[in-house]
Amino acid sequence: MERTLILFKPDCVQRRLVGRILSRFEDKGLNVVAMKLMHITPDLAKQHYAEHVQKGWYPTLEAFITGGPVVAAVLEGLEVIRVVREMLGATSGLKAAAGTIRGDFSSSRQMNLVHASDGPEAAAREIGLYFKKEEIVEHTLTITPWLRAGDEA
């Protein structure tokens, strides 16, 4: 099973969309194995967005991501990184297709509701930034056999 980090960003929390968006991931059959409400500190933001810290627009990004609480979560599932990113749609809500999360709920490039890891290495690094190993709960839902074939595990 593959895992990915998702962050329900401050705009998502403030707009009270966390439950609606989380339900879309659960409806898809993805499993939540860790989740918490938290504030991202400037130090954590710099670690998370290390590749962007030197860019001129980084201060705006840091102010946004540290400006309110976020919900951090780890989702697990088959090809979960690709699946979540496709469900989110294009980074800019103005360019995201209708039916995607950003296409349905966002009209901004930066205030695009949810961050999702963009690959396996990023997912492992980001999960490690937000969660201790003991905060990730290993479990198999009883509905799993009804979500995918046994040889898809």
C-alpha atoms as a PDB file:
ATOM      1  CA  MET A   1       0.000   0.000   0.000  1.00  0.00           C
ATOM      2  CA  GLU A   2       1.235   3.440  -0.885  1.00  0.00           C
ATOM      3  CA  ARG A   3       0.878   6.438   1.450  1.00  0.00           C
ATOM      4  CA  THR A   4       0.669  10.173   0.901  1.00  0.00           C
ATOM      5  CA  LEU A   5       0.521  13.264   3.063  1.00  0.00           C
ATOM      6  CA  ILE A   6      -2.336  15.652   2.584  1.00  0.00           C
ATOM      7  CA  LEU A   7      -2.748  19.008   4.274  1.00  0.00           C
ATOM      8  CA  PHE A   8      -6.141  20.609   4.472  1.00  0.00           C
ATOM      9  CA  LYS A   9      -4.794  24.151   4.248  1.00  0.00           C
ATOM     10  CA  PRO A  10      -5.976  27.129   6.319  1.00  0.00           C
ATOM     11  CA  ASP A  11      -8.463  28.216   3.642  1.00  0.00           C
ATOM     12  CA  CYS A  12     -10.029  24.739   3.702  1.00  0.00           C
ATOM     13  CA  VAL A  13     -10.298  24.754   7.506  1.00  0.00           C
ATOM     14  CA  GLN A  14     -11.684  28.308   7.616  1.00  0.00           C
ATOM     15  CA  ARG A  15     -14.276  27.518   4.946  1.00  0.00           C
ATOM     16  CA  ARG A  16     -15.292  24.392   6.898  1.00  0.00           C
ATOM     17  CA  LEU A  17     -14.687  22.117   3.910  1.00  0.00           C
ATOM     18  CA  VAL A  18     -12.468  19.509   5.606  1.00  0.00           C
ATOM     19  CA  GLY A  19     -15.290  17.015   6.169  1.00  0.00           C
ATOM     20  CA  ARG A  20     -16.711  17.373   2.660  1.00  0.00           C
ATOM     21  CA  ILE A  21     -13.319  16.902   1.035  1.00  0.00           C
ATOM     22  CA  LEU A  22     -12.220  14.097   3.366  1.00  0.00           C
ATOM     23  CA  SER A  23     -15.428  12.243   2.542  1.00  0.00           C
ATOM     24  CA  ARG A  24     -14.496  12.320  -1.152  1.00  0.00           C
ATOM     25  CA  PHE A  25     -11.220  10.563  -0.365  1.00  0.00           C
ATOM     26  CA  GLU A  26     -13.006   8.022   1.826  1.00  0.00           C
ATOM     27  CA  ASP A  27     -15.715   7.510  -0.814  1.00  0.00           C
ATOM     28  CA  LYS A  28     -12.913   6.646  -3.253  1.00  0.00           C
ATOM     29  CA  GLY A  29     -11.824   3.865  -0.888  1.00  0.00           C
ATOM     30  CA  LEU A  30      -8.716   5.534   0.520  1.00  0.00           C
ATOM     31  CA  ASN A  31      -7.857   4.789   4.131  1.00  0.00           C
ATOM     32  CA  VAL A  32      -6.981   7.452   6.729  1.00  0.00           C
ATOM     33  CA  VAL A  33      -4.093   6.139   8.844  1.00  0.00           C
ATOM     34  CA  ALA A  34      -3.181   9.394  10.645  1.00  0.00           C
ATOM     35  CA  MET A  35      -4.814  12.785  11.141  1.00  0.00           C
ATOM     36  CA  LYS A  36      -4.442  15.837  13.383  1.00  0.00           C
ATOM     37  CA  LEU A  37      -5.363  19.507  13.654  1.00  0.00           C
ATOM     38  CA  MET A  38      -2.291  21.704  14.051  1.00  0.00           C
ATOM     39  CA  HIS A  39      -0.593  25.015  13.340  1.00  0.00           C
ATOM     40  CA  ILE A  40       2.343  24.988  10.953  1.00  0.00           C
ATOM     41  CA  THR A  41       5.215  27.013  12.395  1.00  0.00           C
ATOM     42  CA  PRO A  42       7.478  29.145  10.190  1.00  0.00           C
ATOM     43  CA  ASP A  43      10.261  26.599  10.834  1.00  0.00           C
ATOM     44  CA  LEU A  44       8.087  23.667   9.708  1.00  0.00           C
ATOM     45  CA  ALA A  45       6.953  25.660   6.664  1.00  0.00           C
ATOM     46  CA  LYS A  46      10.591  26.226   5.696  1.00  0.00           C
ATOM     47  CA  GLN A  47      11.289  22.487   6.013  1.00  0.00           C
ATOM     48  CA  HIS A  48       8.181  21.507   4.071  1.00  0.00           C
ATOM     49  CA  TYR A  49       8.721  24.039   1.280  1.00  0.00           C
ATOM     50  CA  ALA A  50      12.554  23.906   1.341  1.00  0.00           C
ATOM     51  CA  GLU A  51      12.812  24.051  -2.461  1.00  0.00           C
ATOM     52  CA  HIS A  52      10.839  27.336  -2.511  1.00  0.00           C
ATOM     53  CA  VAL A  53      12.360  29.262   0.441  1.00  0.00           C
ATOM     54  CA  GLN A  54      14.666  31.358  -1.776  1.00  0.00           C
ATOM     55  CA  LYS A  55      11.927  32.309  -4.243  1.00  0.00           C
ATOM     56  CA  GLY A  56      10.537  35.831  -4.125  1.00  0.00           C
ATOM     57  CA  TRP A  57       6.994  34.669  -3.482  1.00  0.00           C
ATOM     58  CA  TYR A  58       7.897  32.381  -0.570  1.00  0.00           C
ATOM     59  CA  PRO A  59       7.037  34.906   2.196  1.00  0.00           C
ATOM     60  CA  THR A  60       3.457  35.042   0.907  1.00  0.00           C
ATOM     61  CA  LEU A  61       3.259  31.241   0.907  1.00  0.00           C
ATOM     62  CA  GLU A  62       4.663  31.037   4.432  1.00  0.00           C
ATOM     63  CA  ALA A  63       2.246  33.693   5.708  1.00  0.00           C
ATOM     64  CA  PHE A  64      -0.655  31.763   4.186  1.00  0.00           C
ATOM     65  CA  ILE A  65       0.272  28.278   5.423  1.00  0.00           C
ATOM     66  CA  THR A  66       1.080  29.536   8.950  1.00  0.00           C
ATOM     67  CA  GLY A  67      -1.920  31.880   9.059  1.00  0.00           C
ATOM     68  CA  GLY A  68      -4.389  29.420  10.566  1.00  0.00           C
ATOM     69  CA  PRO A  69      -4.814  25.811  11.578  1.00  0.00           C
ATOM     70  CA  VAL A  70      -4.408  22.957   9.110  1.00  0.00           C
ATOM     71  CA  VAL A  71      -5.494  19.346   9.251  1.00  0.00           C
ATOM     72  CA  ALA A  72      -2.614  17.035   8.381  1.00  0.00           C
ATOM     73  CA  ALA A  73      -3.455  13.498   7.332  1.00  0.00           C
ATOM     74  CA  VAL A  74      -1.875  10.400   5.873  1.00  0.00           C
ATOM     75  CA  LEU A  75      -3.933   8.509   3.329  1.00  0.00           C
ATOM     76  CA  GLU A  76      -3.198   4.963   2.229  1.00  0.00           C
ATOM     77  CA  GLY A  77      -4.335   3.079  -0.851  1.00  0.00           C
ATOM     78  CA  LEU A  78      -3.413   1.684  -4.224  1.00  0.00           C
ATOM     79  CA  GLU A  79      -1.589   4.356  -6.264  1.00  0.00           C
ATOM     80  CA  VAL A  80      -2.781   6.854  -3.630  1.00  0.00           C
ATOM     81  CA  ILE A  81      -0.338   9.615  -4.654  1.00  0.00           C
ATOM     82  CA  ARG A  82      -1.570   9.699  -8.257  1.00  0.00           C
ATOM     83  CA  VAL A  83      -5.208   9.149  -7.289  1.00  0.00           C
ATOM     84  CA  VAL A  84      -5.267  12.011  -4.763  1.00  0.00           C
ATOM     85  CA  ARG A  85      -3.533  14.424  -7.123  1.00  0.00           C
ATOM     86  CA  GLU A  86      -5.994  13.604  -9.891  1.00  0.00           C
ATOM     87  CA  MET A  87      -8.903  14.064  -7.487  1.00  0.00           C
ATOM     88  CA  LEU A  88      -7.522  17.482  -6.499  1.00  0.00           C
ATOM     89  CA  GLY A  89      -7.150  18.735 -10.062  1.00  0.00           C
ATOM     90  CA  ALA A  90      -4.859  21.467 -11.359  1.00  0.00           C
ATOM     91  CA  THR A  91      -2.994  23.562  -8.772  1.00  0.00           C
ATOM     92  CA  SER A  92      -4.987  26.653  -9.688  1.00  0.00           C
ATOM     93  CA  GLY A  93      -8.658  26.369  -8.885  1.00  0.00           C
ATOM     94  CA  LEU A  94      -9.256  28.617 -11.906  1.00  0.00           C
ATOM     95  CA  LYS A  95      -7.767  25.952 -14.190  1.00  0.00           C
ATOM     96  CA  ALA A  96      -8.961  22.812 -12.389  1.00  0.00           C
ATOM     97  CA  ALA A  97     -11.639  20.782 -14.141  1.00  0.00           C
ATOM     98  CA  ALA A  98     -15.158  20.679 -12.796  1.00  0.00           C
ATOM     99  CA  GLY A  99     -15.618  17.546 -10.719  1.00  0.00           C
ATOM    100  CA  THR A 100     -12.181  17.808  -9.149  1.00  0.00           C
ATOM    101  CA  ILE A 101     -11.883  19.123  -5.601  1.00  0.00           C
ATOM    102  CA  ARG A 102     -10.191  22.359  -6.656  1.00  0.00           C
ATOM    103  CA  GLY A 103     -12.454  22.694  -9.672  1.00  0.00           C
ATOM    104  CA  ASP A 104     -15.501  22.461  -7.447  1.00  0.00           C
ATOM    105  CA  PHE A 105     -14.343  24.487  -4.429  1.00  0.00           C
ATOM    106  CA  SER A 106     -11.430  26.805  -5.341  1.00  0.00           C
ATOM    107  CA  SER A 107     -11.018  29.913  -7.458  1.00  0.00           C
ATOM    108  CA  SER A 108      -7.414  30.717  -6.545  1.00  0.00           C
ATOM    109  CA  ARG A 109      -3.889  29.519  -7.360  1.00  0.00           C
ATOM    110  CA  GLN A 110      -2.594  29.761  -3.784  1.00  0.00           C
ATOM    111  CA  MET A 111      -5.788  29.208  -1.821  1.00  0.00           C
ATOM    112  CA  ASN A 112      -6.309  25.810  -3.378  1.00  0.00           C
ATOM    113  CA  LEU A 113      -7.512  23.998  -0.249  1.00  0.00           C
ATOM    114  CA  VAL A 114      -5.339  20.881  -0.102  1.00  0.00           C
ATOM    115  CA  HIS A 115      -1.661  20.013  -0.438  1.00  0.00           C
ATOM    116  CA  ALA A 116      -0.774  16.498  -1.574  1.00  0.00           C
ATOM    117  CA  SER A 117       2.652  14.891  -1.924  1.00  0.00           C
ATOM    118  CA  ASP A 118       3.839  14.756  -5.529  1.00  0.00           C
ATOM    119  CA  GLY A 119       5.786  11.490  -5.423  1.00  0.00           C
ATOM    120  CA  PRO A 120       6.911   8.627  -3.187  1.00  0.00           C
ATOM    121  CA  GLU A 121      10.083  10.354  -1.966  1.00  0.00           C
ATOM    122  CA  ALA A 122       8.216  13.577  -1.165  1.00  0.00           C
ATOM    123  CA  ALA A 123       5.477  11.594   0.581  1.00  0.00           C
ATOM    124  CA  ALA A 124       7.962   9.798   2.833  1.00  0.00           C
ATOM    125  CA  ARG A 125       9.778  13.053   3.668  1.00  0.00           C
ATOM    126  CA  GLU A 126       6.575  15.006   4.296  1.00  0.00           C
ATOM    127  CA  ILE A 127       4.935  12.286   6.391  1.00  0.00           C
ATOM    128  CA  GLY A 128       8.080  12.310   8.537  1.00  0.00           C
ATOM    129  CA  LEU A 129       7.802  16.074   9.030  1.00  0.00           C
ATOM    130  CA  TYR A 130       4.223  15.921  10.316  1.00  0.00           C
ATOM    131  CA  PHE A 131       3.876  12.550  12.033  1.00  0.00           C
ATOM    132  CA  LYS A 132       5.868  10.395  14.397  1.00  0.00           C
ATOM    133  CA  LYS A 133       5.924   6.709  13.524  1.00  0.00           C
ATOM    134  CA  GLU A 134       3.652   5.889  16.504  1.00  0.00           C
ATOM    135  CA  GLU A 135       1.012   8.361  15.261  1.00  0.00           C
ATOM    136  CA  ILE A 136       0.374   6.282  12.147  1.00  0.00           C
ATOM    137  CA  VAL A 137      -2.224   3.636  12.883  1.00  0.00           C
ATOM    138  CA  GLU A 138      -1.843   0.411  10.905  1.00  0.00           C
ATOM    139  CA  HIS A 139      -5.226  -1.179  10.303  1.00  0.00           C
ATOM    140  CA  THR A 140      -7.317  -2.868   7.660  1.00  0.00           C
ATOM    141  CA  LEU A 141     -10.927  -1.866   7.295  1.00  0.00           C
ATOM    142  CA  THR A 142     -13.435  -4.684   7.187  1.00  0.00           C
ATOM    143  CA  ILE A 143     -14.833  -3.203   3.960  1.00  0.00           C
ATOM    144  CA  THR A 144     -11.485  -3.614   2.142  1.00  0.00           C
ATOM    145  CA  PRO A 145     -12.499  -6.827   0.294  1.00  0.00           C
ATOM    146  CA  TRP A 146     -15.410  -4.869  -1.183  1.00  0.00           C
ATOM    147  CA  LEU A 147     -13.166  -2.049  -2.402  1.00  0.00           C
ATOM    148  CA  ARG A 148     -10.546  -3.997  -4.363  1.00  0.00           C
ATOM    149  CA  ALA A 149      -9.696  -7.504  -5.429  1.00  0.00           C
ATOM    150  CA  GLY A 150      -7.420  -9.563  -3.192  1.00  0.00           C
ATOM    151  CA  ASP A 151      -4.638  -9.631  -5.771  1.00  0.00           C
ATOM    152  CA  GLU A 152      -4.600  -5.798  -5.883  1.00  0.00           C
ATOM    153  CA  ALA A 153      -3.149  -5.456  -2.370  1.00  0.00           C
END
